[in-house]
């Protein structure tokens, strides 16, 4: 029995949910330095993330808010925090299949445990060094877009 090869993503969309402007800039630079083949979309808080994911309000146009293939989620944000975003994503049928990588400064065991219990796919503590952060993003790219078969693609 022969099977057709699985087609990998040629262009991916990554949604970064991060309120810190310096971390947004660091992620943008790390994407550029790593030659990450993805379109990076950035929102600054959990409510914006939910609006983006549900294509509501300012994000109603799917051309400007395409469905992400991966969400990089910070935990500590105003309005709706990362736990709230994760909870809504895992309870909403249209969002359940989107992989979520918690990418945060926290290394607290209770945060790690809670995020996995809530359904995150990975938990990564952000390195503060740019080269280490670029390395993390390269590893994420390799894993999520070269090795893993994502739903709907």
C-alpha atoms as a PDB file:
ATOM      1  CA  UNK A   1       0.000   0.000   0.000  1.00  0.00           C
ATOM      2  CA  UNK A   2       1.511   3.282  -1.060  1.00  0.00           C
ATOM      3  CA  UNK A   3       0.748   6.613   0.513  1.00  0.00           C
ATOM      4  CA  UNK A   4       1.194  10.031  -0.970  1.00  0.00           C
ATOM      5  CA  UNK A   5       3.777  12.219   0.709  1.00  0.00           C
ATOM      6  CA  UNK A   6       2.395  14.730   3.160  1.00  0.00           C
ATOM      7  CA  UNK A   7       2.545  18.275   1.849  1.00  0.00           C
ATOM      8  CA  UNK A   8       4.231  20.606   4.296  1.00  0.00           C
ATOM      9  CA  UNK A   9       3.333  24.257   4.704  1.00  0.00           C
ATOM     10  CA  UNK A  10       4.825  26.564   2.125  1.00  0.00           C
ATOM     11  CA  UNK A  11       3.652  29.680   3.908  1.00  0.00           C
ATOM     12  CA  UNK A  12       2.608  29.800   7.532  1.00  0.00           C
ATOM     13  CA  UNK A  13       0.918  32.407   9.680  1.00  0.00           C
ATOM     14  CA  UNK A  14       2.106  32.817  13.255  1.00  0.00           C
ATOM     15  CA  UNK A  15       0.132  34.924  15.714  1.00  0.00           C
ATOM     16  CA  UNK A  16       2.230  36.444  18.482  1.00  0.00           C
ATOM     17  CA  UNK A  17       0.169  37.492  21.501  1.00  0.00           C
ATOM     18  CA  UNK A  18       2.520  39.762  23.446  1.00  0.00           C
ATOM     19  CA  UNK A  19       1.937  43.058  25.253  1.00  0.00           C
ATOM     20  CA  UNK A  20       5.578  44.044  25.768  1.00  0.00           C
ATOM     21  CA  UNK A  21       6.785  46.213  22.859  1.00  0.00           C
ATOM     22  CA  UNK A  22      10.417  45.195  23.387  1.00  0.00           C
ATOM     23  CA  UNK A  23       9.488  41.499  23.261  1.00  0.00           C
ATOM     24  CA  UNK A  24       7.437  42.152  20.118  1.00  0.00           C
ATOM     25  CA  UNK A  25      10.461  43.810  18.502  1.00  0.00           C
ATOM     26  CA  UNK A  26      12.772  41.025  19.714  1.00  0.00           C
ATOM     27  CA  UNK A  27      10.457  38.406  18.197  1.00  0.00           C
ATOM     28  CA  UNK A  28      10.235  40.319  14.927  1.00  0.00           C
ATOM     29  CA  UNK A  29      14.058  40.561  14.783  1.00  0.00           C
ATOM     30  CA  UNK A  30      14.439  36.908  15.716  1.00  0.00           C
ATOM     31  CA  UNK A  31      12.057  35.920  12.903  1.00  0.00           C
ATOM     32  CA  UNK A  32      14.115  37.978  10.456  1.00  0.00           C
ATOM     33  CA  UNK A  33      17.445  36.600  11.672  1.00  0.00           C
ATOM     34  CA  UNK A  34      16.237  33.004  11.645  1.00  0.00           C
ATOM     35  CA  UNK A  35      14.817  33.314   8.109  1.00  0.00           C
ATOM     36  CA  UNK A  36      11.594  31.893   9.545  1.00  0.00           C
ATOM     37  CA  UNK A  37       9.311  31.337   6.565  1.00  0.00           C
ATOM     38  CA  UNK A  38       6.144  32.641   8.171  1.00  0.00           C
ATOM     39  CA  UNK A  39       4.003  35.730   8.229  1.00  0.00           C
ATOM     40  CA  UNK A  40       4.148  37.143  11.744  1.00  0.00           C
ATOM     41  CA  UNK A  41       0.980  38.795  13.025  1.00  0.00           C
ATOM     42  CA  UNK A  42       1.160  40.581  16.374  1.00  0.00           C
ATOM     43  CA  UNK A  43      -1.546  41.548  18.840  1.00  0.00           C
ATOM     44  CA  UNK A  44      -0.896  43.320  22.128  1.00  0.00           C
ATOM     45  CA  UNK A  45      -3.333  41.736  24.563  1.00  0.00           C
ATOM     46  CA  UNK A  46      -5.594  38.789  25.113  1.00  0.00           C
ATOM     47  CA  UNK A  47      -8.786  40.524  23.994  1.00  0.00           C
ATOM     48  CA  UNK A  48      -7.147  41.512  20.702  1.00  0.00           C
ATOM     49  CA  UNK A  49      -6.013  37.892  20.321  1.00  0.00           C
ATOM     50  CA  UNK A  50      -9.556  36.614  20.763  1.00  0.00           C
ATOM     51  CA  UNK A  51     -10.890  39.238  18.342  1.00  0.00           C
ATOM     52  CA  UNK A  52      -8.223  38.210  15.827  1.00  0.00           C
ATOM     53  CA  UNK A  53      -8.869  34.488  16.242  1.00  0.00           C
ATOM     54  CA  UNK A  54     -12.635  34.908  15.998  1.00  0.00           C
ATOM     55  CA  UNK A  55     -12.277  37.518  13.215  1.00  0.00           C
ATOM     56  CA  UNK A  56     -14.305  40.122  15.065  1.00  0.00           C
ATOM     57  CA  UNK A  57     -14.100  43.904  15.279  1.00  0.00           C
ATOM     58  CA  UNK A  58     -10.913  45.310  13.753  1.00  0.00           C
ATOM     59  CA  UNK A  59      -9.966  41.768  12.670  1.00  0.00           C
ATOM     60  CA  UNK A  60     -13.171  40.896  10.789  1.00  0.00           C
ATOM     61  CA  UNK A  61     -11.423  40.849   7.395  1.00  0.00           C
ATOM     62  CA  UNK A  62      -9.790  37.426   6.882  1.00  0.00           C
ATOM     63  CA  UNK A  63      -7.342  38.975   4.415  1.00  0.00           C
ATOM     64  CA  UNK A  64      -5.846  41.047   7.245  1.00  0.00           C
ATOM     65  CA  UNK A  65      -6.450  38.427   9.936  1.00  0.00           C
ATOM     66  CA  UNK A  66      -5.776  35.030   8.348  1.00  0.00           C
ATOM     67  CA  UNK A  67      -6.230  31.977  10.529  1.00  0.00           C
ATOM     68  CA  UNK A  68      -2.908  31.304  12.250  1.00  0.00           C
ATOM     69  CA  UNK A  69      -1.115  27.999  11.921  1.00  0.00           C
ATOM     70  CA  UNK A  70       0.522  28.571  15.303  1.00  0.00           C
ATOM     71  CA  UNK A  71      -0.088  30.891  18.261  1.00  0.00           C
ATOM     72  CA  UNK A  72       2.817  32.098  20.408  1.00  0.00           C
ATOM     73  CA  UNK A  73       1.145  33.155  23.642  1.00  0.00           C
ATOM     74  CA  UNK A  74       2.489  35.247  26.493  1.00  0.00           C
ATOM     75  CA  UNK A  75       0.829  34.700  29.871  1.00  0.00           C
ATOM     76  CA  UNK A  76       1.076  38.070  31.601  1.00  0.00           C
ATOM     77  CA  UNK A  77      -1.032  40.597  29.710  1.00  0.00           C
ATOM     78  CA  UNK A  78      -3.666  43.216  30.465  1.00  0.00           C
ATOM     79  CA  UNK A  79      -7.396  42.734  29.821  1.00  0.00           C
ATOM     80  CA  UNK A  80      -7.481  38.983  29.115  1.00  0.00           C
ATOM     81  CA  UNK A  81      -4.321  37.159  30.193  1.00  0.00           C
ATOM     82  CA  UNK A  82      -2.766  34.202  28.395  1.00  0.00           C
ATOM     83  CA  UNK A  83      -4.625  31.680  30.538  1.00  0.00           C
ATOM     84  CA  UNK A  84      -7.919  33.306  29.509  1.00  0.00           C
ATOM     85  CA  UNK A  85      -6.965  33.189  25.829  1.00  0.00           C
ATOM     86  CA  UNK A  86      -5.949  29.538  26.099  1.00  0.00           C
ATOM     87  CA  UNK A  87      -9.162  28.653  27.912  1.00  0.00           C
ATOM     88  CA  UNK A  88     -11.314  30.342  25.243  1.00  0.00           C
ATOM     89  CA  UNK A  89      -9.342  28.733  22.427  1.00  0.00           C
ATOM     90  CA  UNK A  90      -9.723  25.250  23.846  1.00  0.00           C
ATOM     91  CA  UNK A  91     -13.449  25.719  24.479  1.00  0.00           C
ATOM     92  CA  UNK A  92     -14.238  27.131  21.011  1.00  0.00           C
ATOM     93  CA  UNK A  93     -14.741  24.431  18.373  1.00  0.00           C
ATOM     94  CA  UNK A  94     -13.212  26.504  15.548  1.00  0.00           C
ATOM     95  CA  UNK A  95     -10.046  27.271  17.529  1.00  0.00           C
ATOM     96  CA  UNK A  96      -9.331  23.963  19.252  1.00  0.00           C
ATOM     97  CA  UNK A  97      -7.065  22.649  16.501  1.00  0.00           C
ATOM     98  CA  UNK A  98      -4.703  25.624  16.427  1.00  0.00           C
ATOM     99  CA  UNK A  99      -1.441  24.732  18.196  1.00  0.00           C
ATOM    100  CA  UNK A 100      -0.541  27.037  21.077  1.00  0.00           C
ATOM    101  CA  UNK A 101       3.000  27.505  22.305  1.00  0.00           C
ATOM    102  CA  UNK A 102       3.158  29.421  25.557  1.00  0.00           C
ATOM    103  CA  UNK A 103       6.218  31.645  25.174  1.00  0.00           C
ATOM    104  CA  UNK A 104       6.677  33.550  28.389  1.00  0.00           C
ATOM    105  CA  UNK A 105       9.211  34.792  30.902  1.00  0.00           C
ATOM    106  CA  UNK A 106       7.607  32.627  33.584  1.00  0.00           C
ATOM    107  CA  UNK A 107       9.355  29.487  34.710  1.00  0.00           C
ATOM    108  CA  UNK A 108       6.982  28.862  37.587  1.00  0.00           C
ATOM    109  CA  UNK A 109       5.988  25.185  37.888  1.00  0.00           C
ATOM    110  CA  UNK A 110       2.371  26.173  38.621  1.00  0.00           C
ATOM    111  CA  UNK A 111       2.200  28.108  35.311  1.00  0.00           C
ATOM    112  CA  UNK A 112       3.668  25.171  33.404  1.00  0.00           C
ATOM    113  CA  UNK A 113       1.246  22.707  35.010  1.00  0.00           C
ATOM    114  CA  UNK A 114      -1.790  24.943  34.525  1.00  0.00           C
ATOM    115  CA  UNK A 115      -1.015  25.650  30.858  1.00  0.00           C
ATOM    116  CA  UNK A 116      -0.645  21.961  30.021  1.00  0.00           C
ATOM    117  CA  UNK A 117      -3.835  21.161  31.923  1.00  0.00           C
ATOM    118  CA  UNK A 118      -5.593  23.857  29.864  1.00  0.00           C
ATOM    119  CA  UNK A 119      -4.368  22.337  26.599  1.00  0.00           C
ATOM    120  CA  UNK A 120      -1.256  24.184  25.471  1.00  0.00           C
ATOM    121  CA  UNK A 121       0.908  22.214  23.074  1.00  0.00           C
ATOM    122  CA  UNK A 122       4.248  23.467  24.402  1.00  0.00           C
ATOM    123  CA  UNK A 123       5.553  25.719  27.166  1.00  0.00           C
ATOM    124  CA  UNK A 124       8.796  27.613  26.570  1.00  0.00           C
ATOM    125  CA  UNK A 125      10.473  30.074  28.895  1.00  0.00           C
ATOM    126  CA  UNK A 126      11.801  32.944  26.779  1.00  0.00           C
ATOM    127  CA  UNK A 127      15.555  33.283  26.736  1.00  0.00           C
ATOM    128  CA  UNK A 128      16.669  36.877  27.251  1.00  0.00           C
ATOM    129  CA  UNK A 129      19.625  36.564  24.865  1.00  0.00           C
ATOM    130  CA  UNK A 130      18.784  37.347  21.213  1.00  0.00           C
ATOM    131  CA  UNK A 131      20.873  34.504  19.780  1.00  0.00           C
ATOM    132  CA  UNK A 132      19.290  31.986  22.147  1.00  0.00           C
ATOM    133  CA  UNK A 133      15.854  33.379  21.262  1.00  0.00           C
ATOM    134  CA  UNK A 134      16.591  33.065  17.535  1.00  0.00           C
ATOM    135  CA  UNK A 135      17.631  29.465  18.183  1.00  0.00           C
ATOM    136  CA  UNK A 136      14.319  28.805  19.966  1.00  0.00           C
ATOM    137  CA  UNK A 137      12.393  30.198  16.992  1.00  0.00           C
ATOM    138  CA  UNK A 138      14.419  28.113  14.543  1.00  0.00           C
ATOM    139  CA  UNK A 139      13.631  25.010  16.580  1.00  0.00           C
ATOM    140  CA  UNK A 140       9.947  25.980  16.648  1.00  0.00           C
ATOM    141  CA  UNK A 141       9.960  26.439  12.883  1.00  0.00           C
ATOM    142  CA  UNK A 142      11.614  23.086  12.309  1.00  0.00           C
ATOM    143  CA  UNK A 143       9.249  21.265  14.627  1.00  0.00           C
ATOM    144  CA  UNK A 144       5.912  22.917  13.809  1.00  0.00           C
ATOM    145  CA  UNK A 145       6.375  23.496  10.079  1.00  0.00           C
ATOM    146  CA  UNK A 146       8.798  20.813   8.873  1.00  0.00           C
ATOM    147  CA  UNK A 147       8.188  17.826  11.135  1.00  0.00           C
ATOM    148  CA  UNK A 148       4.581  18.082  12.325  1.00  0.00           C
ATOM    149  CA  UNK A 149       1.546  17.710  10.096  1.00  0.00           C
ATOM    150  CA  UNK A 150      -0.904  20.445  11.032  1.00  0.00           C
ATOM    151  CA  UNK A 151      -4.678  20.148  10.609  1.00  0.00           C
ATOM    152  CA  UNK A 152      -6.320  21.838   7.649  1.00  0.00           C
ATOM    153  CA  UNK A 153      -3.159  22.006   5.522  1.00  0.00           C
END
